[in-house]
Each structure stands twice: as structure tokens, then as C-alpha cells.
Full PDB file with SEQRES, HELIX, SHEET, SSBOND, CRYST1, ORIGX, SCALE, CONECT and MASTER records, all heavy atoms in Angstrom:
SEQRES   1 A   32  ALA ALA ARG SER LEU SER ALA ALA MET VAL ASP ALA SER          
SEQRES   2 A   32  ASP LEU PHE ILE VAL GLY THR GLY ALA GLU ARG ASP GLU          
SEQRES   3 A   32  LEU ALA ARG ARG HIS PRO                                      
HELIX    1 AA1 ALA A    7  ASP A   11  1                                   5    
HELIX    2 AA2 GLY A   21  ARG A   30  1                                  10    
CRYST1    1.000    1.000    1.000  90.00  90.00  90.00 P 1           1          
ORIGX1      1.000000  0.000000  0.000000        0.00000                         
ORIGX2      0.000000  1.000000  0.000000        0.00000                         
ORIGX3      0.000000  0.000000  1.000000        0.00000                         
SCALE1      1.000000  0.000000  0.000000        0.00000                         
SCALE2      0.000000  1.000000  0.000000        0.00000                         
SCALE3      0.000000  0.000000  1.000000        0.00000                         
ATOM      1  N   ALA A   1      22.462  11.945  -8.323  1.00  0.00           N  
ATOM      2  CA  ALA A   1      21.628  12.199  -9.499  1.00  0.00           C  
ATOM      3  C   ALA A   1      21.202  10.847 -10.057  1.00  0.00           C  
ATOM      4  O   ALA A   1      22.031   9.946 -10.233  1.00  0.00           O  
ATOM      5  CB  ALA A   1      22.393  12.991 -10.556  1.00  0.00           C  
ATOM      6  N   ALA A   2      19.905  10.693 -10.301  1.00  0.00           N  
ATOM      7  CA  ALA A   2      19.375   9.411 -10.785  1.00  0.00           C  
ATOM      8  C   ALA A   2      19.967   9.058 -12.153  1.00  0.00           C  
ATOM      9  O   ALA A   2      20.309   9.939 -12.954  1.00  0.00           O  
ATOM     10  CB  ALA A   2      17.858   9.475 -10.866  1.00  0.00           C  
ATOM     11  N   ARG A   3      20.057   7.738 -12.406  1.00  0.00           N  
ATOM     12  CA  ARG A   3      20.555   7.239 -13.689  1.00  0.00           C  
ATOM     13  C   ARG A   3      19.576   6.210 -14.242  1.00  0.00           C  
ATOM     14  O   ARG A   3      19.018   5.404 -13.489  1.00  0.00           O  
ATOM     15  CB  ARG A   3      21.918   6.565 -13.534  1.00  0.00           C  
ATOM     16  CG  ARG A   3      23.000   7.416 -12.916  1.00  0.00           C  
ATOM     17  CD  ARG A   3      24.341   6.711 -12.994  1.00  0.00           C  
ATOM     18  NE  ARG A   3      24.295   5.379 -12.383  1.00  0.00           N  
ATOM     19  CZ  ARG A   3      25.207   4.429 -12.586  1.00  0.00           C  
ATOM     20  NH1 ARG A   3      26.214   4.648 -13.421  1.00  0.00           N  
ATOM     21  NH2 ARG A   3      25.112   3.267 -11.989  1.00  0.00           N  
ATOM     22  N   SER A   4      19.390   6.230 -15.551  1.00  0.00           N  
ATOM     23  CA  SER A   4      18.569   5.202 -16.185  1.00  0.00           C  
ATOM     24  C   SER A   4      19.431   3.987 -16.479  1.00  0.00           C  
ATOM     25  O   SER A   4      20.607   4.100 -16.867  1.00  0.00           O  
ATOM     26  CB  SER A   4      17.942   5.736 -17.476  1.00  0.00           C  
ATOM     27  OG  SER A   4      18.939   6.202 -18.368  1.00  0.00           O  
ATOM     28  N   LEU A   5      18.866   2.819 -16.271  1.00  0.00           N  
ATOM     29  CA  LEU A   5      19.605   1.558 -16.453  1.00  0.00           C  
ATOM     30  C   LEU A   5      19.956   1.349 -17.919  1.00  0.00           C  
ATOM     31  O   LEU A   5      19.128   1.551 -18.813  1.00  0.00           O  
ATOM     32  CB  LEU A   5      18.753   0.392 -15.955  1.00  0.00           C  
ATOM     33  CG  LEU A   5      19.402  -0.987 -15.993  1.00  0.00           C  
ATOM     34  CD1 LEU A   5      20.537  -1.081 -14.985  1.00  0.00           C  
ATOM     35  CD2 LEU A   5      18.355  -2.068 -15.723  1.00  0.00           C  
ATOM     36  N   SER A   6      21.182   0.929 -18.168  1.00  0.00           N  
ATOM     37  CA  SER A   6      21.637   0.643 -19.535  1.00  0.00           C  
ATOM     38  C   SER A   6      22.186  -0.764 -19.622  1.00  0.00           C  
ATOM     39  O   SER A   6      22.545  -1.375 -18.601  1.00  0.00           O  
ATOM     40  CB  SER A   6      22.732   1.636 -19.955  1.00  0.00           C  
ATOM     41  OG  SER A   6      23.912   1.410 -19.201  1.00  0.00           O  
ATOM     42  N   ALA A   7      22.285  -1.281 -20.830  1.00  0.00           N  
ATOM     43  CA  ALA A   7      22.853  -2.615 -21.036  1.00  0.00           C  
ATOM     44  C   ALA A   7      24.310  -2.665 -20.592  1.00  0.00           C  
ATOM     45  O   ALA A   7      24.780  -3.679 -20.073  1.00  0.00           O  
ATOM     46  CB  ALA A   7      22.737  -3.010 -22.506  1.00  0.00           C  
ATOM     47  N   ALA A   8      25.037  -1.554 -20.767  1.00  0.00           N  
ATOM     48  CA  ALA A   8      26.438  -1.518 -20.348  1.00  0.00           C  
ATOM     49  C   ALA A   8      26.558  -1.670 -18.842  1.00  0.00           C  
ATOM     50  O   ALA A   8      27.469  -2.350 -18.340  1.00  0.00           O  
ATOM     51  CB  ALA A   8      27.084  -0.215 -20.814  1.00  0.00           C  
ATOM     52  N   MET A   9      25.653  -1.048 -18.088  1.00  0.00           N  
ATOM     53  CA  MET A   9      25.666  -1.198 -16.634  1.00  0.00           C  
ATOM     54  C   MET A   9      25.423  -2.649 -16.237  1.00  0.00           C  
ATOM     55  O   MET A   9      26.070  -3.180 -15.337  1.00  0.00           O  
ATOM     56  CB  MET A   9      24.597  -0.313 -15.995  1.00  0.00           C  
ATOM     57  CG  MET A   9      24.816   1.163 -16.125  1.00  0.00           C  
ATOM     58  SD  MET A   9      23.422   2.044 -15.349  1.00  0.00           S  
ATOM     59  CE  MET A   9      23.717   3.709 -15.930  1.00  0.00           C  
ATOM     60  N   VAL A  10      24.475  -3.279 -16.906  1.00  0.00           N  
ATOM     61  CA  VAL A  10      24.159  -4.673 -16.606  1.00  0.00           C  
ATOM     62  C   VAL A  10      25.361  -5.570 -16.891  1.00  0.00           C  
ATOM     63  O   VAL A  10      25.731  -6.421 -16.079  1.00  0.00           O  
ATOM     64  CB  VAL A  10      22.926  -5.135 -17.409  1.00  0.00           C  
ATOM     65  CG1 VAL A  10      22.706  -6.637 -17.245  1.00  0.00           C  
ATOM     66  CG2 VAL A  10      21.688  -4.360 -16.963  1.00  0.00           C  
ATOM     67  N   ASP A  11      25.998  -5.362 -18.023  1.00  0.00           N  
ATOM     68  CA  ASP A  11      27.139  -6.201 -18.402  1.00  0.00           C  
ATOM     69  C   ASP A  11      28.306  -6.042 -17.437  1.00  0.00           C  
ATOM     70  O   ASP A  11      29.095  -6.975 -17.255  1.00  0.00           O  
ATOM     71  CB  ASP A  11      27.592  -5.854 -19.817  1.00  0.00           C  
ATOM     72  CG  ASP A  11      26.602  -6.293 -20.884  1.00  0.00           C  
ATOM     73  OD1 ASP A  11      25.743  -7.142 -20.577  1.00  0.00           O  
ATOM     74  OD2 ASP A  11      26.672  -5.767 -22.013  1.00  0.00           O  
ATOM     75  N   ALA A  12      28.427  -4.870 -16.826  1.00  0.00           N  
ATOM     76  CA  ALA A  12      29.566  -4.601 -15.945  1.00  0.00           C  
ATOM     77  C   ALA A  12      29.327  -5.025 -14.500  1.00  0.00           C  
ATOM     78  O   ALA A  12      30.232  -4.898 -13.672  1.00  0.00           O  
ATOM     79  CB  ALA A  12      29.901  -3.115 -15.990  1.00  0.00           C  
ATOM     80  N   SER A  13      28.144  -5.533 -14.170  1.00  0.00           N  
ATOM     81  CA  SER A  13      27.795  -5.815 -12.780  1.00  0.00           C  
ATOM     82  C   SER A  13      27.874  -7.301 -12.466  1.00  0.00           C  
ATOM     83  O   SER A  13      27.538  -8.146 -13.300  1.00  0.00           O  
ATOM     84  CB  SER A  13      26.382  -5.293 -12.476  1.00  0.00           C  
ATOM     85  OG  SER A  13      26.312  -3.895 -12.668  1.00  0.00           O  
ATOM     86  N   ASP A  14      28.298  -7.603 -11.240  1.00  0.00           N  
ATOM     87  CA  ASP A  14      28.373  -8.981 -10.765  1.00  0.00           C  
ATOM     88  C   ASP A  14      27.122  -9.400 -10.010  1.00  0.00           C  
ATOM     89  O   ASP A  14      26.776 -10.582  -9.978  1.00  0.00           O  
ATOM     90  CB  ASP A  14      29.579  -9.153  -9.827  1.00  0.00           C  
ATOM     91  CG  ASP A  14      30.892  -8.846 -10.517  1.00  0.00           C  
ATOM     92  OD1 ASP A  14      31.204  -9.509 -11.514  1.00  0.00           O  
ATOM     93  OD2 ASP A  14      31.601  -7.927 -10.053  1.00  0.00           O  
ATOM     94  N   LEU A  15      26.454  -8.449  -9.377  1.00  0.00           N  
ATOM     95  CA  LEU A  15      25.297  -8.748  -8.540  1.00  0.00           C  
ATOM     96  C   LEU A  15      24.317  -7.580  -8.629  1.00  0.00           C  
ATOM     97  O   LEU A  15      24.733  -6.415  -8.648  1.00  0.00           O  
ATOM     98  CB  LEU A  15      25.732  -8.941  -7.078  1.00  0.00           C  
ATOM     99  CG  LEU A  15      24.632  -9.284  -6.073  1.00  0.00           C  
ATOM    100  CD1 LEU A  15      24.167 -10.727  -6.257  1.00  0.00           C  
ATOM    101  CD2 LEU A  15      25.122  -9.068  -4.639  1.00  0.00           C  
ATOM    102  N   PHE A  16      23.020  -7.911  -8.670  1.00  0.00           N  
ATOM    103  CA  PHE A  16      21.972  -6.898  -8.712  1.00  0.00           C  
ATOM    104  C   PHE A  16      21.117  -7.021  -7.451  1.00  0.00           C  
ATOM    105  O   PHE A  16      20.650  -8.112  -7.115  1.00  0.00           O  
ATOM    106  CB  PHE A  16      21.093  -7.083  -9.952  1.00  0.00           C  
ATOM    107  CG  PHE A  16      21.845  -7.043 -11.239  1.00  0.00           C  
ATOM    108  CD1 PHE A  16      22.373  -8.208 -11.789  1.00  0.00           C  
ATOM    109  CD2 PHE A  16      22.060  -5.841 -11.901  1.00  0.00           C  
ATOM    110  CE1 PHE A  16      23.094  -8.179 -12.979  1.00  0.00           C  
ATOM    111  CE2 PHE A  16      22.779  -5.797 -13.083  1.00  0.00           C  
ATOM    112  CZ  PHE A  16      23.296  -6.968 -13.629  1.00  0.00           C  
ATOM    113  N   ILE A  17      20.920  -5.897  -6.771  1.00  0.00           N  
ATOM    114  CA  ILE A  17      20.019  -5.840  -5.629  1.00  0.00           C  
ATOM    115  C   ILE A  17      18.838  -4.979  -6.045  1.00  0.00           C  
ATOM    116  O   ILE A  17      18.996  -3.792  -6.356  1.00  0.00           O  
ATOM    117  CB  ILE A  17      20.706  -5.256  -4.387  1.00  0.00           C  
ATOM    118  CG1 ILE A  17      21.932  -6.100  -4.014  1.00  0.00           C  
ATOM    119  CG2 ILE A  17      19.733  -5.200  -3.219  1.00  0.00           C  
ATOM    120  CD1 ILE A  17      22.702  -5.570  -2.818  1.00  0.00           C  
ATOM    121  N   VAL A  18      17.666  -5.582  -6.077  1.00  0.00           N  
ATOM    122  CA  VAL A  18      16.494  -4.957  -6.686  1.00  0.00           C  
ATOM    123  C   VAL A  18      15.487  -4.607  -5.594  1.00  0.00           C  
ATOM    124  O   VAL A  18      15.411  -5.282  -4.549  1.00  0.00           O  
ATOM    125  CB  VAL A  18      15.874  -5.898  -7.739  1.00  0.00           C  
ATOM    126  CG1 VAL A  18      14.778  -5.194  -8.525  1.00  0.00           C  
ATOM    127  CG2 VAL A  18      16.959  -6.380  -8.698  1.00  0.00           C  
ATOM    128  N   GLY A  19      14.715  -3.543  -5.837  1.00  0.00           N  
ATOM    129  CA  GLY A  19      13.796  -3.061  -4.819  1.00  0.00           C  
ATOM    130  C   GLY A  19      12.706  -4.044  -4.453  1.00  0.00           C  
ATOM    131  O   GLY A  19      12.487  -4.346  -3.278  1.00  0.00           O  
ATOM    132  N   THR A  20      12.002  -4.575  -5.445  1.00  0.00           N  
ATOM    133  CA  THR A  20      10.875  -5.473  -5.204  1.00  0.00           C  
ATOM    134  C   THR A  20      10.950  -6.671  -6.138  1.00  0.00           C  
ATOM    135  O   THR A  20      11.702  -6.662  -7.114  1.00  0.00           O  
ATOM    136  CB  THR A  20       9.538  -4.743  -5.440  1.00  0.00           C  
ATOM    137  OG1 THR A  20       9.426  -4.409  -6.838  1.00  0.00           O  
ATOM    138  CG2 THR A  20       9.435  -3.479  -4.596  1.00  0.00           C  
ATOM    139  N   GLY A  21      10.124  -7.680  -5.857  1.00  0.00           N  
ATOM    140  CA  GLY A  21      10.072  -8.845  -6.729  1.00  0.00           C  
ATOM    141  C   GLY A  21       9.619  -8.488  -8.130  1.00  0.00           C  
ATOM    142  O   GLY A  21      10.138  -9.025  -9.123  1.00  0.00           O  
ATOM    143  N   ALA A  22       8.650  -7.567  -8.243  1.00  0.00           N  
ATOM    144  CA  ALA A  22       8.168  -7.155  -9.571  1.00  0.00           C  
ATOM    145  C   ALA A  22       9.278  -6.455 -10.345  1.00  0.00           C  
ATOM    146  O   ALA A  22       9.419  -6.673 -11.571  1.00  0.00           O  
ATOM    147  CB  ALA A  22       6.957  -6.238  -9.419  1.00  0.00           C  
ATOM    148  N   GLU A  23      10.066  -5.644  -9.676  1.00  0.00           N  
ATOM    149  CA  GLU A  23      11.171  -4.960 -10.357  1.00  0.00           C  
ATOM    150  C   GLU A  23      12.263  -5.951 -10.743  1.00  0.00           C  
ATOM    151  O   GLU A  23      12.895  -5.800 -11.807  1.00  0.00           O  
ATOM    152  CB  GLU A  23      11.715  -3.850  -9.454  1.00  0.00           C  
ATOM    153  CG  GLU A  23      10.745  -2.678  -9.325  1.00  0.00           C  
ATOM    154  CD  GLU A  23      11.052  -1.754  -8.166  1.00  0.00           C  
ATOM    155  OE1 GLU A  23      11.800  -2.167  -7.243  1.00  0.00           O  
ATOM    156  OE2 GLU A  23      10.538  -0.625  -8.170  1.00  0.00           O  
ATOM    157  N   ARG A  24      12.477  -6.954  -9.929  1.00  0.00           N  
ATOM    158  CA  ARG A  24      13.448  -7.996 -10.304  1.00  0.00           C  
ATOM    159  C   ARG A  24      12.984  -8.732 -11.558  1.00  0.00           C  
ATOM    160  O   ARG A  24      13.776  -8.998 -12.467  1.00  0.00           O  
ATOM    161  CB  ARG A  24      13.625  -8.987  -9.150  1.00  0.00           C  
ATOM    162  CG  ARG A  24      14.667 -10.073  -9.435  1.00  0.00           C  
ATOM    163  CD  ARG A  24      14.584 -11.198  -8.432  1.00  0.00           C  
ATOM    164  NE  ARG A  24      13.293 -11.859  -8.508  1.00  0.00           N  
ATOM    165  CZ  ARG A  24      12.609 -12.292  -7.455  1.00  0.00           C  
ATOM    166  NH1 ARG A  24      13.078 -12.129  -6.250  1.00  0.00           N  
ATOM    167  NH2 ARG A  24      11.448 -12.890  -7.626  1.00  0.00           N  
ATOM    168  N   ASP A  25      11.696  -9.054 -11.631  1.00  0.00           N  
ATOM    169  CA  ASP A  25      11.173  -9.745 -12.811  1.00  0.00           C  
ATOM    170  C   ASP A  25      11.298  -8.880 -14.057  1.00  0.00           C  
ATOM    171  O   ASP A  25      11.607  -9.374 -15.148  1.00  0.00           O  
ATOM    172  CB  ASP A  25       9.714 -10.133 -12.588  1.00  0.00           C  
ATOM    173  CG  ASP A  25       9.554 -11.183 -11.490  1.00  0.00           C  
ATOM    174  OD1 ASP A  25      10.555 -11.836 -11.143  1.00  0.00           O  
ATOM    175  OD2 ASP A  25       8.428 -11.337 -10.983  1.00  0.00           O  
ATOM    176  N   GLU A  26      11.065  -7.578 -13.916  1.00  0.00           N  
ATOM    177  CA  GLU A  26      11.185  -6.684 -15.066  1.00  0.00           C  
ATOM    178  C   GLU A  26      12.641  -6.553 -15.503  1.00  0.00           C  
ATOM    179  O   GLU A  26      12.939  -6.517 -16.704  1.00  0.00           O  
ATOM    180  CB  GLU A  26      10.608  -5.313 -14.722  1.00  0.00           C  
ATOM    181  CG  GLU A  26      10.708  -4.272 -15.833  1.00  0.00           C  
ATOM    182  CD  GLU A  26       9.968  -4.666 -17.112  1.00  0.00           C  
ATOM    183  OE1 GLU A  26       9.106  -5.579 -17.054  1.00  0.00           O  
ATOM    184  OE2 GLU A  26      10.250  -4.054 -18.166  1.00  0.00           O  
ATOM    185  N   LEU A  27      13.564  -6.484 -14.543  1.00  0.00           N  
ATOM    186  CA  LEU A  27      14.991  -6.459 -14.887  1.00  0.00           C  
ATOM    187  C   LEU A  27      15.372  -7.708 -15.667  1.00  0.00           C  
ATOM    188  O   LEU A  27      16.064  -7.629 -16.697  1.00  0.00           O  
ATOM    189  CB  LEU A  27      15.819  -6.358 -13.608  1.00  0.00           C  
ATOM    190  CG  LEU A  27      17.340  -6.520 -13.763  1.00  0.00           C  
ATOM    191  CD1 LEU A  27      17.919  -5.406 -14.616  1.00  0.00           C  
ATOM    192  CD2 LEU A  27      18.025  -6.563 -12.393  1.00  0.00           C  
ATOM    193  N   ALA A  28      14.919  -8.870 -15.204  1.00  0.00           N  
ATOM    194  CA  ALA A  28      15.243 -10.125 -15.888  1.00  0.00           C  
ATOM    195  C   ALA A  28      14.594 -10.196 -17.265  1.00  0.00           C  
ATOM    196  O   ALA A  28      15.165 -10.772 -18.200  1.00  0.00           O  
ATOM    197  CB  ALA A  28      14.792 -11.303 -15.033  1.00  0.00           C  
ATOM    198  N   ARG A  29      13.394  -9.614 -17.426  1.00  0.00           N  
ATOM    199  CA  ARG A  29      12.733  -9.605 -18.740  1.00  0.00           C  
ATOM    200  C   ARG A  29      13.531  -8.784 -19.746  1.00  0.00           C  
ATOM    201  O   ARG A  29      13.740  -9.198 -20.883  1.00  0.00           O  
ATOM    202  CB  ARG A  29      11.322  -9.051 -18.614  1.00  0.00           C  
ATOM    203  CG  ARG A  29      10.493  -9.150 -19.905  1.00  0.00           C  
ATOM    204  CD  ARG A  29       9.192  -8.404 -19.804  1.00  0.00           C  
ATOM    205  NE  ARG A  29       9.395  -6.953 -19.759  1.00  0.00           N  
ATOM    206  CZ  ARG A  29       9.640  -6.196 -20.835  1.00  0.00           C  
ATOM    207  NH1 ARG A  29       9.736  -6.749 -22.037  1.00  0.00           N  
ATOM    208  NH2 ARG A  29       9.800  -4.893 -20.708  1.00  0.00           N  
ATOM    209  N   ARG A  30      14.017  -7.634 -19.305  1.00  0.00           N  
ATOM    210  CA  ARG A  30      14.779  -6.765 -20.202  1.00  0.00           C  
ATOM    211  C   ARG A  30      16.205  -7.272 -20.422  1.00  0.00           C  
ATOM    212  O   ARG A  30      16.772  -7.093 -21.504  1.00  0.00           O  
ATOM    213  CB  ARG A  30      14.841  -5.341 -19.631  1.00  0.00           C  
ATOM    214  CG  ARG A  30      13.497  -4.646 -19.507  1.00  0.00           C  
ATOM    215  CD  ARG A  30      13.718  -3.194 -19.086  1.00  0.00           C  
ATOM    216  NE  ARG A  30      12.492  -2.530 -18.688  1.00  0.00           N  
ATOM    217  CZ  ARG A  30      12.421  -1.253 -18.328  1.00  0.00           C  
ATOM    218  NH1 ARG A  30      13.541  -0.511 -18.321  1.00  0.00           N  
ATOM    219  NH2 ARG A  30      11.271  -0.720 -17.963  1.00  0.00           N  
ATOM    220  N   HIS A  31      16.759  -7.848 -19.396  1.00  0.00           N  
ATOM    221  CA  HIS A  31      18.163  -8.293 -19.460  1.00  0.00           C  
ATOM    222  C   HIS A  31      18.253  -9.711 -18.908  1.00  0.00           C  
ATOM    223  O   HIS A  31      18.575  -9.915 -17.722  1.00  0.00           O  
ATOM    224  CB  HIS A  31      19.055  -7.343 -18.651  1.00  0.00           C  
ATOM    225  CG  HIS A  31      18.969  -5.918 -19.074  1.00  0.00           C  
ATOM    226  ND1 HIS A  31      19.649  -5.414 -20.161  1.00  0.00           N  
ATOM    227  CD2 HIS A  31      18.239  -4.875 -18.557  1.00  0.00           C  
ATOM    228  CE1 HIS A  31      19.379  -4.122 -20.292  1.00  0.00           C  
ATOM    229  NE2 HIS A  31      18.521  -3.774 -19.341  1.00  0.00           N  
ATOM    230  N   PRO A  32      17.961 -10.720 -19.713  1.00  0.00           N  
ATOM    231  CA  PRO A  32      17.910 -12.106 -19.219  1.00  0.00           C  
ATOM    232  C   PRO A  32      19.184 -12.558 -18.516  1.00  0.00           C  
ATOM    233  O   PRO A  32      19.122 -13.396 -17.606  1.00  0.00           O  
ATOM    234  CB  PRO A  32      17.652 -12.914 -20.496  1.00  0.00           C  
ATOM    235  CG  PRO A  32      16.952 -11.953 -21.418  1.00  0.00           C  
ATOM    236  CD  PRO A  32      17.566 -10.615 -21.132  1.00  0.00           C  
TER     237      PRO A  32                                                      
MASTER        0    0    0    2    0    0    0    6  236    1    0    3          
END                                                                             
């Protein structure tokens, strides 16, 4: 079941694997 990204998920993660470069940039914009 799909999940929407939350700040808690980001804080708990050591590494992020992102689909595309644009999605990586958007992840970094929302969560520096």
C-alpha cells in the first residue's frame, strides 16, 4: 500500500534512493 512521505520517515532514514534526478531535487527542496 502506497505511503506519503513524512518528515518522520526522512529523519529515520540513513540513505534515500530516488526514482529520478528531478525527484531527488524535490526531496532535497522539501527536506534539506
